[in-house]
């Protein structure tokens, strides 16, 4: 999967988790929680969606890599490199 494809996957997950949020102006370098009304359960939903859809295991110790869109894409890129969208 390419970086733009990974970003699109994350956007799709965020749209399902927070359907009332306007993601059109999402700043990729600003933490999600500063831009959206996400609580810890929403964050876990993101992790669970990635596990369910793409079989990506994300240990709790690595959640810090999922703070912004940029950091999330950077973290997922090697894990999803050989995964079709």
PDB file of N, CA and C in Angstrom:
ATOM      1  N   UNK A   1       0.842  -1.176   0.000  1.00  0.00           N
ATOM      2  CA  UNK A   1       0.000   0.000   0.000  1.00  0.00           C
ATOM      3  C   UNK A   1       0.890   1.244   0.000  1.00  0.00           C
ATOM      4  N   UNK A   2       0.491   2.227  -0.740  1.00  0.00           N
ATOM      5  CA  UNK A   2       1.262   3.468  -0.800  1.00  0.00           C
ATOM      6  C   UNK A   2       0.863   4.395   0.355  1.00  0.00           C
ATOM      7  N   UNK A   3       1.661   5.423   0.562  1.00  0.00           N
ATOM      8  CA  UNK A   3       1.353   6.405   1.620  1.00  0.00           C
ATOM      9  C   UNK A   3      -0.033   7.034   1.416  1.00  0.00           C
ATOM     10  N   UNK A   4      -0.373   7.480   0.197  1.00  0.00           N
ATOM     11  CA  UNK A   4      -1.718   8.043   0.005  1.00  0.00           C
ATOM     12  C   UNK A   4      -2.839   7.024   0.270  1.00  0.00           C
ATOM     13  N   UNK A   5      -2.608   5.773  -0.073  1.00  0.00           N
ATOM     14  CA  UNK A   5      -3.613   4.735   0.190  1.00  0.00           C
ATOM     15  C   UNK A   5      -3.781   4.506   1.688  1.00  0.00           C
ATOM     16  N   UNK A   6      -2.667   4.494   2.411  1.00  0.00           N
ATOM     17  CA  UNK A   6      -2.733   4.321   3.865  1.00  0.00           C
ATOM     18  C   UNK A   6      -3.481   5.496   4.486  1.00  0.00           C
ATOM     19  N   UNK A   7      -3.180   6.700   4.021  1.00  0.00           N
ATOM     20  CA  UNK A   7      -3.869   7.884   4.541  1.00  0.00           C
ATOM     21  C   UNK A   7      -5.370   7.765   4.290  1.00  0.00           C
ATOM     22  N   UNK A   8      -5.742   7.313   3.113  1.00  0.00           N
ATOM     23  CA  UNK A   8      -7.157   7.153   2.782  1.00  0.00           C
ATOM     24  C   UNK A   8      -7.825   6.111   3.675  1.00  0.00           C
ATOM     25  N   UNK A   9      -7.133   5.035   3.973  1.00  0.00           N
ATOM     26  CA  UNK A   9      -7.660   4.009   4.881  1.00  0.00           C
ATOM     27  C   UNK A   9      -7.932   4.625   6.249  1.00  0.00           C
ATOM     28  N   UNK A  10      -6.999   5.417   6.744  1.00  0.00           N
ATOM     29  CA  UNK A  10      -7.168   6.054   8.055  1.00  0.00           C
ATOM     30  C   UNK A  10      -8.350   7.021   8.020  1.00  0.00           C
ATOM     31  N   UNK A  11      -8.470   7.788   6.955  1.00  0.00           N
ATOM     32  CA  UNK A  11      -9.606   8.711   6.807  1.00  0.00           C
ATOM     33  C   UNK A  11     -10.924   7.927   6.830  1.00  0.00           C
ATOM     34  N   UNK A  12     -10.982   6.822   6.112  1.00  0.00           N
ATOM     35  CA  UNK A  12     -12.198   6.001   6.082  1.00  0.00           C
ATOM     36  C   UNK A  12     -12.549   5.476   7.474  1.00  0.00           C
ATOM     37  N   UNK A  13     -11.554   5.047   8.217  1.00  0.00           N
ATOM     38  CA  UNK A  13     -11.784   4.563   9.586  1.00  0.00           C
ATOM     39  C   UNK A  13     -12.277   5.714  10.462  1.00  0.00           C
ATOM     40  N   UNK A  14     -11.644   6.862  10.351  1.00  0.00           N
ATOM     41  CA  UNK A  14     -12.065   8.024  11.146  1.00  0.00           C
ATOM     42  C   UNK A  14     -13.491   8.445  10.798  1.00  0.00           C
ATOM     43  N   UNK A  15     -13.849   8.371   9.538  1.00  0.00           N
ATOM     44  CA  UNK A  15     -15.210   8.725   9.127  1.00  0.00           C
ATOM     45  C   UNK A  15     -16.251   7.799   9.760  1.00  0.00           C
ATOM     46  N   UNK A  16     -15.913   6.531   9.900  1.00  0.00           N
ATOM     47  CA  UNK A  16     -16.841   5.582  10.536  1.00  0.00           C
ATOM     48  C   UNK A  16     -16.918   5.807  12.043  1.00  0.00           C
ATOM     49  N   UNK A  17     -15.786   6.102  12.651  1.00  0.00           N
ATOM     50  CA  UNK A  17     -15.735   6.270  14.102  1.00  0.00           C
ATOM     51  C   UNK A  17     -16.330   7.602  14.537  1.00  0.00           C
ATOM     52  N   UNK A  18     -16.079   8.636  13.756  1.00  0.00           N
ATOM     53  CA  UNK A  18     -16.552   9.985  14.096  1.00  0.00           C
ATOM     54  C   UNK A  18     -17.284  10.584  12.891  1.00  0.00           C
ATOM     55  N   UNK A  19     -18.484  10.081  12.600  1.00  0.00           N
ATOM     56  CA  UNK A  19     -19.180  10.503  11.380  1.00  0.00           C
ATOM     57  C   UNK A  19     -19.551  11.987  11.337  1.00  0.00           C
ATOM     58  N   UNK A  20     -19.617  12.646  12.473  1.00  0.00           N
ATOM     59  CA  UNK A  20     -19.989  14.064  12.500  1.00  0.00           C
ATOM     60  C   UNK A  20     -18.807  15.001  12.302  1.00  0.00           C
ATOM     61  N   UNK A  21     -17.605  14.456  12.273  1.00  0.00           N
ATOM     62  CA  UNK A  21     -16.403  15.281  12.122  1.00  0.00           C
ATOM     63  C   UNK A  21     -16.179  15.656  10.658  1.00  0.00           C
ATOM     64  N   UNK A  22     -15.715  16.884  10.447  1.00  0.00           N
ATOM     65  CA  UNK A  22     -15.327  17.335   9.109  1.00  0.00           C
ATOM     66  C   UNK A  22     -13.834  17.050   8.946  1.00  0.00           C
ATOM     67  N   UNK A  23     -13.516  16.081   8.138  1.00  0.00           N
ATOM     68  CA  UNK A  23     -12.119  15.668   7.962  1.00  0.00           C
ATOM     69  C   UNK A  23     -11.463  16.323   6.756  1.00  0.00           C
ATOM     70  N   UNK A  24     -12.179  17.175   6.070  1.00  0.00           N
ATOM     71  CA  UNK A  24     -11.649  17.788   4.852  1.00  0.00           C
ATOM     72  C   UNK A  24     -10.457  18.712   5.125  1.00  0.00           C
ATOM     73  N   UNK A  25     -10.377  19.268   6.319  1.00  0.00           N
ATOM     74  CA  UNK A  25      -9.278  20.172   6.651  1.00  0.00           C
ATOM     75  C   UNK A  25      -8.317  19.568   7.670  1.00  0.00           C
ATOM     76  N   UNK A  26      -8.273  18.268   7.726  1.00  0.00           N
ATOM     77  CA  UNK A  26      -7.405  17.593   8.687  1.00  0.00           C
ATOM     78  C   UNK A  26      -5.945  17.929   8.403  1.00  0.00           C
ATOM     79  N   UNK A  27      -5.266  18.414   9.412  1.00  0.00           N
ATOM     80  CA  UNK A  27      -3.847  18.749   9.298  1.00  0.00           C
ATOM     81  C   UNK A  27      -3.050  17.505   9.692  1.00  0.00           C
ATOM     82  N   UNK A  28      -2.265  16.980   8.771  1.00  0.00           N
ATOM     83  CA  UNK A  28      -1.565  15.714   8.994  1.00  0.00           C
ATOM     84  C   UNK A  28      -0.494  15.774  10.074  1.00  0.00           C
ATOM     85  N   UNK A  29      -0.058  16.964  10.451  1.00  0.00           N
ATOM     86  CA  UNK A  29       1.009  17.061  11.449  1.00  0.00           C
ATOM     87  C   UNK A  29       0.500  17.445  12.841  1.00  0.00           C
ATOM     88  N   UNK A  30      -0.796  17.667  12.986  1.00  0.00           N
ATOM     89  CA  UNK A  30      -1.390  18.039  14.277  1.00  0.00           C
ATOM     90  C   UNK A  30      -2.064  16.795  14.868  1.00  0.00           C
ATOM     91  N   UNK A  31      -1.889  16.552  16.168  1.00  0.00           N
ATOM     92  CA  UNK A  31      -2.516  15.367  16.775  1.00  0.00           C
ATOM     93  C   UNK A  31      -4.020  15.291  16.501  1.00  0.00           C
ATOM     94  N   UNK A  32      -4.486  14.074  16.256  1.00  0.00           N
ATOM     95  CA  UNK A  32      -5.901  13.845  15.983  1.00  0.00           C
ATOM     96  C   UNK A  32      -6.770  14.450  17.084  1.00  0.00           C
ATOM     97  N   UNK A  33      -6.372  14.239  18.331  1.00  0.00           N
ATOM     98  CA  UNK A  33      -7.197  14.678  19.459  1.00  0.00           C
ATOM     99  C   UNK A  33      -7.303  16.199  19.565  1.00  0.00           C
ATOM    100  N   UNK A  34      -6.377  16.919  18.960  1.00  0.00           N
ATOM    101  CA  UNK A  34      -6.469  18.380  18.950  1.00  0.00           C
ATOM    102  C   UNK A  34      -7.412  18.867  17.850  1.00  0.00           C
ATOM    103  N   UNK A  35      -7.727  17.999  16.911  1.00  0.00           N
ATOM    104  CA  UNK A  35      -8.559  18.386  15.773  1.00  0.00           C
ATOM    105  C   UNK A  35      -9.948  17.765  15.796  1.00  0.00           C
ATOM    106  N   UNK A  36     -10.090  16.713  16.586  1.00  0.00           N
ATOM    107  CA  UNK A  36     -11.337  15.951  16.575  1.00  0.00           C
ATOM    108  C   UNK A  36     -11.753  15.622  18.000  1.00  0.00           C
ATOM    109  N   UNK A  37     -13.022  15.301  18.131  1.00  0.00           N
ATOM    110  CA  UNK A  37     -13.554  14.851  19.423  1.00  0.00           C
ATOM    111  C   UNK A  37     -13.355  13.338  19.528  1.00  0.00           C
ATOM    112  N   UNK A  38     -12.134  12.930  19.837  1.00  0.00           N
ATOM    113  CA  UNK A  38     -11.828  11.502  19.982  1.00  0.00           C
ATOM    114  C   UNK A  38     -11.506  11.205  21.435  1.00  0.00           C
ATOM    115  N   UNK A  39     -12.114  10.165  21.957  1.00  0.00           N
ATOM    116  CA  UNK A  39     -11.750   9.733  23.297  1.00  0.00           C
ATOM    117  C   UNK A  39     -10.928   8.441  23.200  1.00  0.00           C
ATOM    118  N   UNK A  40     -10.570   7.892  24.319  1.00  0.00           N
ATOM    119  CA  UNK A  40      -9.702   6.711  24.308  1.00  0.00           C
ATOM    120  C   UNK A  40     -10.389   5.506  23.654  1.00  0.00           C
ATOM    121  N   UNK A  41     -11.701   5.402  23.785  1.00  0.00           N
ATOM    122  CA  UNK A  41     -12.405   4.291  23.134  1.00  0.00           C
ATOM    123  C   UNK A  41     -12.392   4.451  21.611  1.00  0.00           C
ATOM    124  N   UNK A  42     -12.520   5.681  21.146  1.00  0.00           N
ATOM    125  CA  UNK A  42     -12.431   5.928  19.700  1.00  0.00           C
ATOM    126  C   UNK A  42     -11.057   5.528  19.185  1.00  0.00           C
ATOM    127  N   UNK A  43     -10.043   5.871  19.946  1.00  0.00           N
ATOM    128  CA  UNK A  43      -8.681   5.525  19.550  1.00  0.00           C
ATOM    129  C   UNK A  43      -8.522   4.002  19.464  1.00  0.00           C
ATOM    130  N   UNK A  44      -9.051   3.296  20.448  1.00  0.00           N
ATOM    131  CA  UNK A  44      -8.985   1.833  20.416  1.00  0.00           C
ATOM    132  C   UNK A  44      -9.773   1.273  19.235  1.00  0.00           C
ATOM    133  N   UNK A  45     -10.858   1.942  18.867  1.00  0.00           N
ATOM    134  CA  UNK A  45     -11.609   1.518  17.679  1.00  0.00           C
ATOM    135  C   UNK A  45     -10.754   1.609  16.420  1.00  0.00           C
ATOM    136  N   UNK A  46      -9.935   2.633  16.333  1.00  0.00           N
ATOM    137  CA  UNK A  46      -9.022   2.776  15.187  1.00  0.00           C
ATOM    138  C   UNK A  46      -8.071   1.583  15.142  1.00  0.00           C
ATOM    139  N   UNK A  47      -7.475   1.279  16.286  1.00  0.00           N
ATOM    140  CA  UNK A  47      -6.538   0.157  16.384  1.00  0.00           C
ATOM    141  C   UNK A  47      -7.236  -1.156  16.013  1.00  0.00           C
ATOM    142  N   UNK A  48      -8.459  -1.339  16.513  1.00  0.00           N
ATOM    143  CA  UNK A  48      -9.187  -2.577  16.232  1.00  0.00           C
ATOM    144  C   UNK A  48      -9.574  -2.686  14.749  1.00  0.00           C
ATOM    145  N   UNK A  49      -9.936  -1.578  14.138  1.00  0.00           N
ATOM    146  CA  UNK A  49     -10.255  -1.587  12.700  1.00  0.00           C
ATOM    147  C   UNK A  49      -9.031  -1.981  11.875  1.00  0.00           C
ATOM    148  N   UNK A  50      -7.883  -1.457  12.235  1.00  0.00           N
ATOM    149  CA  UNK A  50      -6.650  -1.812  11.520  1.00  0.00           C
ATOM    150  C   UNK A  50      -6.350  -3.302  11.682  1.00  0.00           C
ATOM    151  N   UNK A  51      -6.594  -3.809  12.870  1.00  0.00           N
ATOM    152  CA  UNK A  51      -6.371  -5.236  13.108  1.00  0.00           C
ATOM    153  C   UNK A  51      -7.361  -6.071  12.294  1.00  0.00           C
ATOM    154  N   UNK A  52      -8.615  -5.672  12.322  1.00  0.00           N
ATOM    155  CA  UNK A  52      -9.656  -6.442  11.635  1.00  0.00           C
ATOM    156  C   UNK A  52      -9.482  -6.394  10.117  1.00  0.00           C
ATOM    157  N   UNK A  53      -9.259  -5.222   9.575  1.00  0.00           N
ATOM    158  CA  UNK A  53      -9.197  -5.077   8.119  1.00  0.00           C
ATOM    159  C   UNK A  53      -7.870  -5.537   7.523  1.00  0.00           C
ATOM    160  N   UNK A  54      -6.770  -5.277   8.237  1.00  0.00           N
ATOM    161  CA  UNK A  54      -5.447  -5.512   7.637  1.00  0.00           C
ATOM    162  C   UNK A  54      -4.539  -6.427   8.457  1.00  0.00           C
ATOM    163  N   UNK A  55      -5.078  -6.978   9.526  1.00  0.00           N
ATOM    164  CA  UNK A  55      -4.303  -7.884  10.383  1.00  0.00           C
ATOM    165  C   UNK A  55      -3.022  -7.251  10.912  1.00  0.00           C
ATOM    166  N   UNK A  56      -3.102  -5.963  11.214  1.00  0.00           N
ATOM    167  CA  UNK A  56      -1.967  -5.238  11.780  1.00  0.00           C
ATOM    168  C   UNK A  56      -2.084  -5.279  13.298  1.00  0.00           C
ATOM    169  N   UNK A  57      -1.097  -5.866  13.925  1.00  0.00           N
ATOM    170  CA  UNK A  57      -1.056  -5.907  15.383  1.00  0.00           C
ATOM    171  C   UNK A  57      -0.288  -4.684  15.876  1.00  0.00           C
ATOM    172  N   UNK A  58      -0.917  -3.881  16.710  1.00  0.00           N
ATOM    173  CA  UNK A  58      -0.260  -2.689  17.247  1.00  0.00           C
ATOM    174  C   UNK A  58      -0.224  -2.823  18.765  1.00  0.00           C
ATOM    175  N   UNK A  59       0.952  -3.108  19.309  1.00  0.00           N
ATOM    176  CA  UNK A  59       1.055  -3.228  20.765  1.00  0.00           C
ATOM    177  C   UNK A  59       0.788  -1.883  21.443  1.00  0.00           C
ATOM    178  N   UNK A  60       0.238  -1.943  22.625  1.00  0.00           N
ATOM    179  CA  UNK A  60      -0.078  -0.716  23.360  1.00  0.00           C
ATOM    180  C   UNK A  60       1.147   0.179  23.529  1.00  0.00           C
ATOM    181  N   UNK A  61       2.302  -0.423  23.652  1.00  0.00           N
ATOM    182  CA  UNK A  61       3.543   0.352  23.820  1.00  0.00           C
ATOM    183  C   UNK A  61       3.886   1.191  22.586  1.00  0.00           C
ATOM    184  N   UNK A  62       3.231   0.897  21.455  1.00  0.00           N
ATOM    185  CA  UNK A  62       3.502   1.632  20.217  1.00  0.00           C
ATOM    186  C   UNK A  62       2.370   2.584  19.825  1.00  0.00           C
ATOM    187  N   UNK A  63       1.371   2.745  20.674  1.00  0.00           N
ATOM    188  CA  UNK A  63       0.262   3.664  20.386  1.00  0.00           C
ATOM    189  C   UNK A  63       0.748   5.088  20.170  1.00  0.00           C
ATOM    190  N   UNK A  64       1.872   5.430  20.777  1.00  0.00           N
ATOM    191  CA  UNK A  64       2.417   6.789  20.633  1.00  0.00           C
ATOM    192  C   UNK A  64       2.723   7.133  19.172  1.00  0.00           C
ATOM    193  N   UNK A  65       2.845   6.120  18.328  1.00  0.00           N
ATOM    194  CA  UNK A  65       3.134   6.347  16.907  1.00  0.00           C
ATOM    195  C   UNK A  65       1.873   6.689  16.106  1.00  0.00           C
ATOM    196  N   UNK A  66       0.728   6.680  16.763  1.00  0.00           N
ATOM    197  CA  UNK A  66      -0.536   6.911  16.075  1.00  0.00           C
ATOM    198  C   UNK A  66      -1.172   8.236  16.493  1.00  0.00           C
ATOM    199  N   UNK A  67      -0.369   9.219  16.794  1.00  0.00           N
ATOM    200  CA  UNK A  67      -0.867  10.487  17.321  1.00  0.00           C
ATOM    201  C   UNK A  67      -1.357  11.425  16.217  1.00  0.00           C
ATOM    202  N   UNK A  68      -0.607  11.509  15.133  1.00  0.00           N
ATOM    203  CA  UNK A  68      -0.970  12.367  14.002  1.00  0.00           C
ATOM    204  C   UNK A  68      -1.148  11.503  12.757  1.00  0.00           C
ATOM    205  N   UNK A  69      -1.688  12.091  11.726  1.00  0.00           N
ATOM    206  CA  UNK A  69      -1.805  11.346  10.463  1.00  0.00           C
ATOM    207  C   UNK A  69      -0.416  11.006   9.935  1.00  0.00           C
ATOM    208  N   UNK A  70       0.502  11.973   9.966  1.00  0.00           N
ATOM    209  CA  UNK A  70       1.862  11.715   9.473  1.00  0.00           C
ATOM    210  C   UNK A  70       2.524  10.574  10.237  1.00  0.00           C
ATOM    211  N   UNK A  71       2.441  10.613  11.566  1.00  0.00           N
ATOM    212  CA  UNK A  71       3.100   9.562  12.352  1.00  0.00           C
ATOM    213  C   UNK A  71       2.422   8.211  12.147  1.00  0.00           C
ATOM    214  N   UNK A  72       1.106   8.221  11.967  1.00  0.00           N
ATOM    215  CA  UNK A  72       0.370   6.978  11.735  1.00  0.00           C
ATOM    216  C   UNK A  72       0.761   6.355  10.393  1.00  0.00           C
ATOM    217  N   UNK A  73       0.816   7.181   9.352  1.00  0.00           N
ATOM    218  CA  UNK A  73       1.204   6.679   8.028  1.00  0.00           C
ATOM    219  C   UNK A  73       2.647   6.178   8.071  1.00  0.00           C
ATOM    220  N   UNK A  74       3.532   6.919   8.715  1.00  0.00           N
ATOM    221  CA  UNK A  74       4.934   6.485   8.834  1.00  0.00           C
ATOM    222  C   UNK A  74       5.037   5.142   9.545  1.00  0.00           C
ATOM    223  N   UNK A  75       4.259   4.973  10.590  1.00  0.00           N
ATOM    224  CA  UNK A  75       4.277   3.732  11.360  1.00  0.00           C
ATOM    225  C   UNK A  75       3.713   2.552  10.551  1.00  0.00           C
ATOM    226  N   UNK A  76       2.625   2.810   9.840  1.00  0.00           N
ATOM    227  CA  UNK A  76       1.956   1.724   9.117  1.00  0.00           C
ATOM    228  C   UNK A  76       2.595   1.380   7.778  1.00  0.00           C
ATOM    229  N   UNK A  77       3.320   2.306   7.201  1.00  0.00           N
ATOM    230  CA  UNK A  77       3.877   2.082   5.861  1.00  0.00           C
ATOM    231  C   UNK A  77       4.661   0.771   5.735  1.00  0.00           C
ATOM    232  N   UNK A  78       5.623   0.481   6.600  1.00  0.00           N
ATOM    233  CA  UNK A  78       6.336  -0.796   6.441  1.00  0.00           C
ATOM    234  C   UNK A  78       5.451  -2.011   6.745  1.00  0.00           C
ATOM    235  N   UNK A  79       4.472  -1.844   7.628  1.00  0.00           N
ATOM    236  CA  UNK A  79       3.594  -2.954   7.980  1.00  0.00           C
ATOM    237  C   UNK A  79       2.606  -3.299   6.870  1.00  0.00           C
ATOM    238  N   UNK A  80       2.262  -2.294   6.061  1.00  0.00           N
ATOM    239  CA  UNK A  80       1.269  -2.491   5.005  1.00  0.00           C
ATOM    240  C   UNK A  80       1.877  -2.453   3.598  1.00  0.00           C
ATOM    241  N   UNK A  81       3.186  -2.469   3.518  1.00  0.00           N
ATOM    242  CA  UNK A  81       3.875  -2.318   2.221  1.00  0.00           C
ATOM    243  C   UNK A  81       3.413  -3.343   1.190  1.00  0.00           C
ATOM    244  N   UNK A  82       3.187  -4.573   1.614  1.00  0.00           N
ATOM    245  CA  UNK A  82       2.821  -5.623   0.673  1.00  0.00           C
ATOM    246  C   UNK A  82       1.323  -5.945   0.697  1.00  0.00           C
ATOM    247  N   UNK A  83       0.542  -5.057   1.288  1.00  0.00           N
ATOM    248  CA  UNK A  83      -0.890  -5.273   1.424  1.00  0.00           C
ATOM    249  C   UNK A  83      -1.649  -4.508   0.344  1.00  0.00           C
ATOM    250  N   UNK A  84      -2.510  -5.176  -0.398  1.00  0.00           N
ATOM    251  CA  UNK A  84      -3.338  -4.443  -1.366  1.00  0.00           C
ATOM    252  C   UNK A  84      -4.442  -3.679  -0.628  1.00  0.00           C
ATOM    253  N   UNK A  85      -4.837  -2.551  -1.188  1.00  0.00           N
ATOM    254  CA  UNK A  85      -5.884  -1.742  -0.538  1.00  0.00           C
ATOM    255  C   UNK A  85      -7.217  -2.412  -0.621  1.00  0.00           C
TER     256      UNK A  85
END
